[in-house]
N, C-alpha and C. Protein backbone atom coordinates (compact mmCIF):
# COMPACT_ATOMS: atom_id res chain seq x y z
N UNK A 1 0.63 -1.11 0.19
CA UNK A 1 -0.05 -0.05 -0.02
C UNK A 1 1.00 1.20 0.06
N UNK A 2 1.74 1.25 0.67
CA UNK A 2 3.08 2.35 1.00
C UNK A 2 3.29 2.60 -0.96
N UNK A 3 3.48 1.34 -1.51
CA UNK A 3 4.18 1.86 -2.81
C UNK A 3 3.03 2.74 -3.46
N UNK A 4 1.95 2.15 -3.31
CA UNK A 4 0.91 2.59 -4.19
C UNK A 4 0.52 3.72 -3.98
N UNK A 5 0.58 4.14 -2.90
CA UNK A 5 0.47 5.58 -2.08
C UNK A 5 1.70 6.52 -2.70
N UNK A 6 2.93 5.95 -3.04
CA UNK A 6 3.96 6.97 -3.05
C UNK A 6 3.84 7.06 -4.76
N UNK A 7 3.11 5.94 -5.39
CA UNK A 7 2.90 6.23 -6.99
C UNK A 7 2.27 7.82 -7.15
N UNK A 8 1.25 7.77 -6.36
CA UNK A 8 0.79 8.91 -6.65
C UNK A 8 1.44 10.30 -5.89
N UNK A 9 2.37 10.47 -5.16
CA UNK A 9 2.98 11.51 -4.41
C UNK A 9 4.10 11.91 -5.39
N UNK A 10 4.92 10.81 -6.08
CA UNK A 10 6.09 11.19 -6.67
C UNK A 10 5.94 11.89 -7.73
N UNK A 11 5.13 11.72 -8.62
CA UNK A 11 4.72 12.79 -9.38
C UNK A 11 4.50 14.44 -9.19
N UNK A 12 3.80 14.22 -8.41
CA UNK A 12 3.78 16.07 -7.70
C UNK A 12 4.88 16.49 -7.13
N UNK A 13 6.04 15.89 -6.86
CA UNK A 13 7.37 16.11 -6.32
C UNK A 13 8.19 16.22 -7.35
N UNK A 14 7.97 15.67 -8.40
CA UNK A 14 9.14 15.87 -9.53
C UNK A 14 8.45 16.60 -11.28
N UNK A 15 7.52 16.86 -10.96
CA UNK A 15 6.68 17.37 -12.19
C UNK A 15 5.54 18.77 -11.97
N UNK A 16 5.95 19.49 -13.07
CA UNK A 16 5.11 20.88 -12.60
C UNK A 16 3.96 20.62 -13.92
N UNK A 17 2.54 20.81 -13.20
CA UNK A 17 1.71 20.44 -14.08
C UNK A 17 1.02 21.75 -14.72
N UNK A 18 1.90 22.60 -13.92
CA UNK A 18 1.37 24.27 -14.37
C UNK A 18 0.47 24.75 -13.58
N UNK A 19 -0.37 25.67 -13.39
CA UNK A 19 -1.35 26.86 -12.36
C UNK A 19 -2.52 25.98 -12.96
N UNK A 20 -3.23 25.38 -13.86
CA UNK A 20 -4.36 25.31 -14.43
C UNK A 20 -4.72 23.86 -13.93
N UNK A 21 -3.56 22.93 -13.82
CA UNK A 21 -3.90 21.78 -13.53
C UNK A 21 -3.96 21.34 -12.20
N UNK A 22 -5.53 20.87 -11.44
CA UNK A 22 -5.33 20.47 -9.68
C UNK A 22 -5.27 19.08 -9.73
N UNK A 23 -3.94 18.70 -9.53
CA UNK A 23 -3.27 17.34 -9.16
C UNK A 23 -3.91 17.11 -7.91
N UNK A 24 -4.00 17.97 -6.99
CA UNK A 24 -4.76 18.01 -5.54
C UNK A 24 -6.14 16.90 -5.85
N UNK A 25 -6.54 17.60 -6.40
CA UNK A 25 -8.29 16.75 -6.65
C UNK A 25 -7.80 15.36 -7.13
N UNK A 26 -7.35 15.15 -8.52
CA UNK A 26 -7.28 13.85 -9.12
C UNK A 26 -6.54 13.00 -8.01
N UNK A 27 -5.60 13.74 -7.50
CA UNK A 27 -4.86 12.67 -6.04
C UNK A 27 -5.89 11.98 -4.89
N UNK A 28 -6.74 13.15 -4.57
CA UNK A 28 -7.88 12.58 -3.48
C UNK A 28 -8.69 11.95 -4.30
N UNK A 29 -9.34 12.24 -5.29
CA UNK A 29 -10.03 11.06 -5.85
C UNK A 29 -9.55 9.76 -5.74
N UNK A 30 -8.32 9.52 -6.52
CA UNK A 30 -7.79 8.31 -6.62
C UNK A 30 -7.82 7.96 -5.32
N UNK A 31 -7.23 8.43 -4.02
CA UNK A 31 -6.66 8.06 -2.58
C UNK A 31 -7.77 7.48 -2.53
N UNK A 32 -9.12 8.19 -2.47
CA UNK A 32 -10.10 7.83 -1.70
C UNK A 32 -11.08 6.36 -2.64
N UNK A 33 -10.69 6.04 -3.91
CA UNK A 33 -10.98 5.14 -4.58
C UNK A 33 -10.31 3.59 -4.14
N UNK A 34 -8.88 4.09 -3.97
CA UNK A 34 -8.08 3.03 -3.53
C UNK A 34 -8.41 2.65 -2.39
N UNK A 35 -8.40 3.41 -1.12
CA UNK A 35 -8.98 3.28 -0.10
C UNK A 35 -9.75 2.55 0.20
N UNK A 36 -11.41 2.64 -0.77
CA UNK A 36 -12.42 1.55 -0.51
C UNK A 36 -12.17 0.03 -1.55
N UNK A 37 -10.99 0.17 -2.12
CA UNK A 37 -10.41 -1.16 -2.62
C UNK A 37 -10.03 -1.72 -1.60
N UNK A 38 -8.77 -1.05 -0.61
CA UNK A 38 -8.61 -1.60 0.20
C UNK A 38 -9.18 -1.79 1.68
N UNK A 39 -10.26 -1.25 2.05
CA UNK A 39 -10.87 -1.63 2.53
C UNK A 39 -12.06 -2.88 2.38
N UNK A 40 -12.16 -3.10 1.12
CA UNK A 40 -12.96 -3.92 1.06
C UNK A 40 -11.99 -5.35 0.65
N UNK A 41 -10.86 -5.15 0.25
CA UNK A 41 -10.09 -6.17 0.27
C UNK A 41 -9.72 -6.89 1.41
N UNK A 42 -9.41 -6.04 2.33
CA UNK A 42 -9.30 -6.33 3.97
C UNK A 42 -10.25 -7.09 4.31
N UNK A 43 -11.57 -6.55 4.10
CA UNK A 43 -12.74 -7.40 4.43
C UNK A 43 -12.99 -8.50 4.23
N UNK A 44 -12.88 -8.58 2.65
CA UNK A 44 -12.59 -10.07 2.19
C UNK A 44 -11.68 -11.27 3.04
N UNK A 45 -10.39 -10.23 3.33
CA UNK A 45 -9.48 -11.59 3.82
C UNK A 45 -9.79 -11.65 4.93
N UNK A 46 -10.39 -10.92 5.88
CA UNK A 46 -10.92 -11.32 7.69
C UNK A 46 -12.06 -12.07 7.76
N UNK A 47 -12.96 -12.06 6.04
CA UNK A 47 -13.64 -13.45 6.43
C UNK A 47 -13.31 -14.81 6.26
N UNK A 48 -12.11 -14.87 5.55
CA UNK A 48 -11.42 -16.27 5.71
C UNK A 48 -11.98 -17.26 6.99
N UNK A 49 -12.85 -17.95 7.06
CA UNK A 49 -12.79 -19.09 8.28
C UNK A 49 -11.62 -19.73 8.42
N UNK A 50 -11.25 -19.84 9.67
CA UNK A 50 -10.41 -20.30 10.05
C UNK A 50 -10.31 -21.75 10.83
N UNK A 51 -10.70 -23.11 9.88
CA UNK A 51 -10.90 -24.27 10.47
C UNK A 51 -10.21 -25.31 10.97
N UNK A 52 -9.00 -24.70 10.87
CA UNK A 52 -7.98 -25.54 11.50
C UNK A 52 -7.35 -26.61 10.76
N UNK A 53 -7.73 -26.30 9.16
CA UNK A 53 -6.93 -27.08 8.36
C UNK A 53 -6.36 -26.22 7.82
N UNK A 54 -5.40 -26.15 7.72
CA UNK A 54 -4.01 -24.92 7.19
C UNK A 54 -3.96 -25.44 5.40
N UNK A 55 -4.12 -26.18 5.07
CA UNK A 55 -4.41 -26.63 3.38
C UNK A 55 -5.37 -26.07 2.88
N UNK A 56 -6.96 -26.06 3.66
CA UNK A 56 -7.80 -25.32 3.08
C UNK A 56 -7.73 -24.10 3.25
N UNK A 57 -7.50 -23.35 4.63
CA UNK A 57 -7.23 -22.15 4.59
C UNK A 57 -5.96 -21.25 3.51
N UNK A 58 -5.03 -21.80 3.70
CA UNK A 58 -4.22 -21.82 2.15
C UNK A 58 -4.87 -21.57 1.03
N UNK A 59 -5.69 -22.55 0.61
CA UNK A 59 -6.40 -22.05 -0.88
C UNK A 59 -7.39 -21.49 -0.82
N UNK A 60 -8.10 -20.94 0.45
CA UNK A 60 -8.80 -20.06 0.32
C UNK A 60 -8.15 -18.16 0.24
N UNK A 61 -7.28 -18.60 1.10
CA UNK A 61 -6.14 -17.45 0.97
C UNK A 61 -5.81 -16.96 -0.23
N UNK A 62 -5.42 -17.81 -0.73
CA UNK A 62 -4.73 -17.83 -2.73
C UNK A 62 -5.69 -17.87 -3.26
N UNK A 63 -6.87 -17.76 -3.37
CA UNK A 63 -7.46 -17.50 -4.15
C UNK A 63 -7.94 -15.98 -4.02
N UNK A 64 -7.77 -15.47 -3.29
CA UNK A 64 -8.06 -14.37 -2.60
C UNK A 64 -7.13 -13.29 -3.25
N UNK A 65 -5.98 -13.72 -4.05
CA UNK A 65 -4.77 -12.91 -4.63
C UNK A 65 -5.20 -11.52 -5.36
N UNK A 66 -6.42 -11.85 -5.80
CA UNK A 66 -6.74 -10.52 -6.47
C UNK A 66 -7.45 -9.96 -5.82
N UNK A 67 -7.25 -9.50 -4.54
CA UNK A 67 -7.56 -8.81 -3.78
C UNK A 67 -6.45 -7.54 -3.55
N UNK A 68 -5.41 -7.97 -4.09
CA UNK A 68 -4.39 -7.29 -3.92
C UNK A 68 -3.92 -6.05 -5.15
N UNK A 69 -5.13 -6.09 -5.86
CA UNK A 69 -5.35 -5.44 -6.91
C UNK A 69 -6.28 -4.17 -6.70
N UNK A 70 -7.12 -4.81 -6.00
CA UNK A 70 -8.29 -4.01 -5.39
C UNK A 70 -8.11 -2.62 -5.42
N UNK A 71 -6.72 -2.06 -4.51
CA UNK A 71 -6.92 -0.79 -4.35
C UNK A 71 -6.51 0.10 -5.65
N UNK A 72 -6.13 -0.60 -6.76
CA UNK A 72 -5.78 -0.33 -7.92
C UNK A 72 -7.40 -0.06 -8.86
N UNK A 73 -7.56 -1.09 -9.05
CA UNK A 73 -9.35 -1.21 -9.55
C UNK A 73 -10.06 0.14 -8.91
N UNK A 74 -10.06 -0.02 -7.70
CA UNK A 74 -10.49 1.05 -6.70
C UNK A 74 -10.55 2.72 -7.34
N UNK A 75 -8.97 2.40 -7.28
CA UNK A 75 -8.81 4.08 -8.08
C UNK A 75 -9.16 4.35 -9.19
N UNK A 76 -9.18 3.25 -10.31
CA UNK A 76 -9.50 3.92 -11.21
C UNK A 76 -10.97 4.04 -11.47
N UNK A 77 -11.66 2.91 -10.95
CA UNK A 77 -13.16 2.93 -10.90
C UNK A 77 -13.62 4.52 -10.59
N UNK A 78 -13.14 4.97 -9.45
CA UNK A 78 -13.06 6.47 -8.85
C UNK A 78 -12.91 7.30 -9.80
N UNK A 79 -11.74 7.31 -10.60
CA UNK A 79 -11.49 8.15 -11.68
C UNK A 79 -12.62 8.49 -12.36
N UNK A 80 -13.02 6.96 -13.05
CA UNK A 80 -13.97 6.85 -14.14
C UNK A 80 -15.38 7.33 -13.56
N UNK A 81 -15.58 7.16 -12.26
CA UNK A 81 -16.79 7.63 -11.45
C UNK A 81 -16.71 9.71 -11.82
N UNK A 82 -15.63 10.00 -11.37
CA UNK A 82 -15.61 11.14 -11.28
C UNK A 82 -15.96 11.85 -12.86
N UNK A 83 -15.26 11.10 -13.60
CA UNK A 83 -15.72 11.93 -15.09
C UNK A 83 -17.44 11.42 -15.65
N UNK A 84 -17.89 10.77 -14.94
CA UNK A 84 -19.32 10.26 -15.00
C UNK A 84 -20.23 11.21 -14.68
N UNK A 85 -19.85 11.89 -13.31
CA UNK A 85 -20.41 12.93 -12.52
C UNK A 85 -19.81 14.36 -13.39
N UNK A 86 -19.06 14.69 -14.00
CA UNK A 86 -18.37 15.90 -14.90
C UNK A 86 -19.52 15.77 -16.26
N UNK A 87 -19.22 14.64 -16.92
CA UNK A 87 -19.94 14.40 -17.79
C UNK A 87 -21.48 14.83 -17.62
N UNK A 88 -22.14 14.71 -16.21
CA UNK A 88 -23.37 14.45 -16.36
C UNK A 88 -24.39 13.41 -16.12
N UNK A 89 -23.93 12.43 -16.09
CA UNK A 89 -24.80 10.98 -16.28
C UNK A 89 -25.40 10.72 -15.29
N UNK A 90 -24.46 11.32 -14.11
CA UNK A 90 -25.12 10.89 -12.78
C UNK A 90 -25.41 12.14 -12.13
N UNK A 91 -26.63 12.15 -11.96
CA UNK A 91 -27.28 13.51 -11.12
C UNK A 91 -28.19 13.37 -10.11
N UNK A 92 -28.53 13.95 -9.44
CA UNK A 92 -29.63 14.20 -8.46
C UNK A 92 -28.84 14.91 -7.31
N UNK A 93 -30.02 14.55 -5.98
CA UNK A 93 -29.71 15.59 -4.86
C UNK A 93 -28.36 14.47 -4.12
N UNK A 94 -28.51 13.12 -3.98
CA UNK A 94 -27.35 12.94 -3.56
C UNK A 94 -26.11 12.57 -4.47
N UNK A 95 -25.83 12.97 -5.40
CA UNK A 95 -24.53 13.45 -6.33
C UNK A 95 -23.85 14.43 -6.02
N UNK A 96 -22.55 14.73 -6.40
CA UNK A 96 -22.03 15.47 -6.56
C UNK A 96 -22.43 16.56 -7.75
N UNK A 97 -22.58 17.72 -7.84
CA UNK A 97 -22.68 18.32 -8.86
C UNK A 97 -20.88 19.27 -9.31
N UNK A 98 -20.55 18.70 -10.44
CA UNK A 98 -19.17 18.91 -10.91
C UNK A 98 -19.65 20.31 -12.10
N UNK A 99 -18.54 21.40 -11.96
CA UNK A 99 -18.38 21.85 -13.12
C UNK A 99 -17.08 21.72 -13.58
N UNK A 100 -17.47 22.03 -15.14
CA UNK A 100 -16.07 21.88 -16.03
C UNK A 100 -15.87 23.19 -16.42
N UNK A 101 -14.51 22.90 -16.79
CA UNK A 101 -13.94 24.03 -17.18
C UNK A 101 -14.47 24.84 -19.05
N UNK A 102 -14.89 25.69 -18.84
CA UNK A 102 -15.52 26.06 -20.39
C UNK A 102 -14.64 27.24 -21.18
N UNK A 103 -13.53 27.22 -21.06
CA UNK A 103 -12.60 28.19 -21.40
C UNK A 103 -12.27 27.88 -22.96
N UNK A 104 -12.46 26.61 -23.31
CA UNK A 104 -11.81 26.48 -24.79
C UNK A 104 -10.86 26.04 -25.23
N UNK A 105 -10.36 25.49 -24.04
CA UNK A 105 -8.72 25.19 -23.90
C UNK A 105 -8.36 24.14 -25.14
N UNK A 106 -7.44 24.59 -25.59
CA UNK A 106 -6.83 23.33 -26.38
C UNK A 106 -6.18 22.30 -26.22
N UNK A 107 -5.97 22.26 -24.66
CA UNK A 107 -5.02 21.32 -24.15
C UNK A 107 -5.96 19.91 -23.70
N UNK A 108 -7.15 19.91 -24.21
CA UNK A 108 -8.13 18.81 -24.36
C UNK A 108 -9.14 18.34 -23.30
N UNK A 109 -9.58 17.57 -23.26
CA UNK A 109 -10.58 16.90 -22.15
C UNK A 109 -9.71 16.75 -21.01
N UNK A 110 -8.77 16.08 -20.59
CA UNK A 110 -8.26 16.08 -19.44
C UNK A 110 -8.12 17.23 -18.74
N UNK A 111 -7.80 17.83 -18.94
CA UNK A 111 -7.48 19.55 -18.75
C UNK A 111 -8.78 20.16 -18.43
N UNK A 112 -9.94 20.00 -19.19
CA UNK A 112 -11.23 20.71 -18.76
C UNK A 112 -11.67 20.16 -17.89
N UNK A 113 -11.43 18.82 -17.54
CA UNK A 113 -12.02 17.84 -16.66
C UNK A 113 -10.96 18.55 -15.26
N UNK A 114 -10.02 18.23 -15.01
CA UNK A 114 -9.01 18.24 -14.19
C UNK A 114 -8.70 19.69 -13.85
N UNK A 115 -9.08 20.52 -14.48
CA UNK A 115 -8.67 21.87 -14.29
C UNK A 115 -8.74 22.64 -12.87
N UNK A 116 -7.71 23.60 -12.76
CA UNK A 116 -8.00 24.09 -11.22
C UNK A 116 -9.74 25.07 -11.12
N UNK A 117 -10.17 25.46 -12.70
CA UNK A 117 -11.19 26.01 -12.74
C UNK A 117 -12.23 24.84 -12.38
N UNK A 118 -12.58 23.61 -13.05
CA UNK A 118 -13.52 22.62 -12.89
C UNK A 118 -13.38 21.99 -11.39
N UNK A 119 -14.68 21.56 -11.34
CA UNK A 119 -14.59 20.36 -10.17
C UNK A 119 -15.93 20.73 -9.23
N UNK A 120 -15.70 20.23 -8.24
CA UNK A 120 -17.01 20.33 -7.13
C UNK A 120 -17.29 21.35 -6.99
N UNK A 121 -18.84 22.05 -7.19
CA UNK A 121 -19.16 23.51 -7.20
C UNK A 121 -19.08 24.00 -5.38
N UNK A 122 -19.23 23.03 -4.67
CA UNK A 122 -19.17 23.72 -3.13
C UNK A 122 -18.53 22.56 -2.21
N UNK A 123 -18.48 23.07 -0.94
CA UNK A 123 -17.95 22.19 -0.21
C UNK A 123 -18.45 20.74 0.18
N UNK A 124 -19.90 20.90 0.04
CA UNK A 124 -20.67 19.86 0.38
C UNK A 124 -20.58 18.66 -1.16
N UNK A 125 -20.48 19.32 -2.45
CA UNK A 125 -20.12 18.63 -3.60
C UNK A 125 -18.59 18.24 -2.91
N UNK A 126 -17.57 18.47 -2.42
CA UNK A 126 -16.48 17.78 -2.28
C UNK A 126 -16.43 16.64 -1.72
N UNK A 127 -17.36 16.70 -0.50
CA UNK A 127 -17.30 15.45 0.59
C UNK A 127 -18.78 14.46 -0.20
N UNK A 128 -19.33 14.67 -1.04
CA UNK A 128 -20.40 13.83 -1.78
C UNK A 128 -19.47 13.14 -2.69
N UNK A 129 -18.58 13.89 -3.48
CA UNK A 129 -17.57 13.17 -4.59
C UNK A 129 -16.72 12.12 -4.13
N UNK A 130 -16.15 12.75 -2.54
CA UNK A 130 -15.00 11.62 -2.03
C UNK A 130 -15.41 10.56 -1.29
N UNK A 131 -16.96 10.55 -0.90
CA UNK A 131 -17.61 9.46 -0.35
C UNK A 131 -18.22 8.78 -1.66
N UNK A 132 -18.52 9.07 -2.92
CA UNK A 132 -18.91 8.36 -3.85
C UNK A 132 -17.57 7.83 -4.31
N UNK A 133 -16.42 8.38 -4.46
CA UNK A 133 -15.49 7.59 -4.61
C UNK A 133 -14.54 6.74 -4.01
N UNK A 134 -14.96 6.27 -2.85
CA UNK A 134 -14.81 5.73 -1.99
C UNK A 134 -15.32 4.46 -2.00
N UNK A 135 -16.94 4.81 -2.53
CA UNK A 135 -17.83 3.47 -2.53
C UNK A 135 -17.44 3.17 -4.04
N UNK A 136 -16.90 3.80 -4.87
CA UNK A 136 -16.65 3.54 -6.34
C UNK A 136 -15.35 2.03 -6.33
N UNK A 137 -14.48 2.05 -5.13
CA UNK A 137 -13.61 1.47 -4.45
C UNK A 137 -13.93 0.26 -3.95
N UNK A 138 -14.90 0.37 -2.78
CA UNK A 138 -15.40 -0.52 -1.95
C UNK A 138 -16.32 -1.30 -3.11
N UNK A 139 -16.83 -1.20 -3.54
CA UNK A 139 -18.17 -1.64 -4.08
C UNK A 139 -17.61 -1.66 -5.50
N UNK A 140 -16.95 -3.13 -5.40
CA UNK A 140 -16.53 -3.13 -6.97
C UNK A 140 -17.12 -3.38 -8.43
N UNK A 141 -18.44 -3.36 -8.24
CA UNK A 141 -19.17 -3.57 -9.41
C UNK A 141 -20.33 -2.70 -9.60
N UNK A 142 -20.16 -1.59 -8.63
CA UNK A 142 -20.79 -0.05 -8.72
C UNK A 142 -20.65 0.36 -9.73
N UNK A 143 -19.44 0.99 -10.50
CA UNK A 143 -19.36 1.50 -11.68
C UNK A 143 -19.34 0.63 -13.00
N UNK A 144 -18.81 -0.71 -12.90
CA UNK A 144 -19.19 -1.62 -14.06
C UNK A 144 -20.55 -1.56 -14.56
N UNK A 145 -21.34 -1.47 -13.57
CA UNK A 145 -22.70 -2.04 -13.67
C UNK A 145 -23.70 -0.69 -14.08
N UNK A 146 -22.86 0.31 -13.60
CA UNK A 146 -23.49 1.84 -13.73
C UNK A 146 -23.15 2.00 -15.68
N UNK A 147 -22.11 1.48 -15.91
CA UNK A 147 -21.76 1.51 -16.93
C UNK A 147 -22.52 0.80 -17.89
N UNK A 148 -22.59 -0.78 -17.44
CA UNK A 148 -23.76 -1.15 -18.47
C UNK A 148 -24.86 -0.29 -18.34
N UNK A 149 -25.31 -0.38 -17.19
CA UNK A 149 -26.96 0.32 -17.77
C UNK A 149 -26.76 1.18 -18.96
N UNK A 150 -25.67 2.10 -18.70
CA UNK A 150 -25.84 3.12 -19.99
C UNK A 150 -25.91 2.57 -21.31
N UNK A 151 -24.65 1.53 -21.43
CA UNK A 151 -25.12 0.94 -22.64
C UNK A 151 -26.37 0.30 -23.24
N UNK A 152 -27.06 -0.45 -22.14
CA UNK A 152 -28.19 -0.73 -22.62
C UNK A 152 -29.13 0.22 -22.84
N UNK A 153 -29.19 1.30 -22.37
CA UNK A 153 -30.02 2.52 -22.27
C UNK A 153 -30.21 3.10 -23.88
N UNK A 154 -28.68 3.04 -23.81
CA UNK A 154 -28.44 3.88 -25.73
C UNK A 154 -28.78 2.35 -26.58
N UNK A 155 -28.39 1.60 -26.21
CA UNK A 155 -29.14 0.44 -27.23
C UNK A 155 -30.63 0.62 -27.67
N UNK A 156 -30.99 0.41 -26.50
CA UNK A 156 -32.66 0.79 -26.52
C UNK A 156 -32.72 1.88 -26.91
N UNK A 157 -32.53 3.13 -27.20
CA UNK A 157 -32.35 4.55 -27.88
C UNK A 157 -32.08 4.32 -29.21
N UNK A 158 -31.00 3.28 -29.41
CA UNK A 158 -30.76 3.47 -30.94
C UNK A 158 -31.54 2.32 -31.75
N UNK A 159 -32.06 1.21 -31.04
CA UNK A 159 -33.27 0.32 -31.83
C UNK A 159 -34.52 1.01 -31.42
N UNK A 160 -35.10 1.98 -30.59
CA UNK A 160 -36.06 2.82 -31.27
C UNK A 160 -36.08 3.78 -31.93
N UNK A 161 -34.90 4.21 -32.63
CA UNK A 161 -34.98 5.16 -33.60
C UNK A 161 -34.73 4.71 -34.65
N UNK A 162 -34.63 3.05 -35.12
CA UNK A 162 -34.60 2.45 -36.13
C UNK A 162 -33.01 2.33 -36.59
N UNK A 163 -32.10 2.78 -36.02
CA UNK A 163 -31.50 2.87 -36.53
C UNK A 163 -30.28 1.58 -36.71
């Protein structure tokens, strides 16, 4: 876990992203998702029962080897969820409102979403964002299921329009 956290801290120490890039927001998003994935993995490991049979316990623990990638998956899912919020795909009173940069910058989509002028509209939206990023890491199927639902809706609309 220390190596994982260092991977996020080192780029901030050695690279300058300029005034218009909010690396701290991206770091917070990735960290919240990684913590959700880490806590989820820890809970799965703790649920392995100890029957007194060391071979069976070893097999159960080795089948949980994918849990070591849970923080990485959680960080990725948190970033995807942030982009879904920024794109307006998830809206409502429980979800954060994310404003995006409308400067027409040629730096690209990444800069428009993660620039210092983009982000949660208020402190409450920031808190909602971090909670949802943690949930995205903790409940590994949350973001993939949301994406599947968006794809299914798009396919239904496509069939309904006769295309």
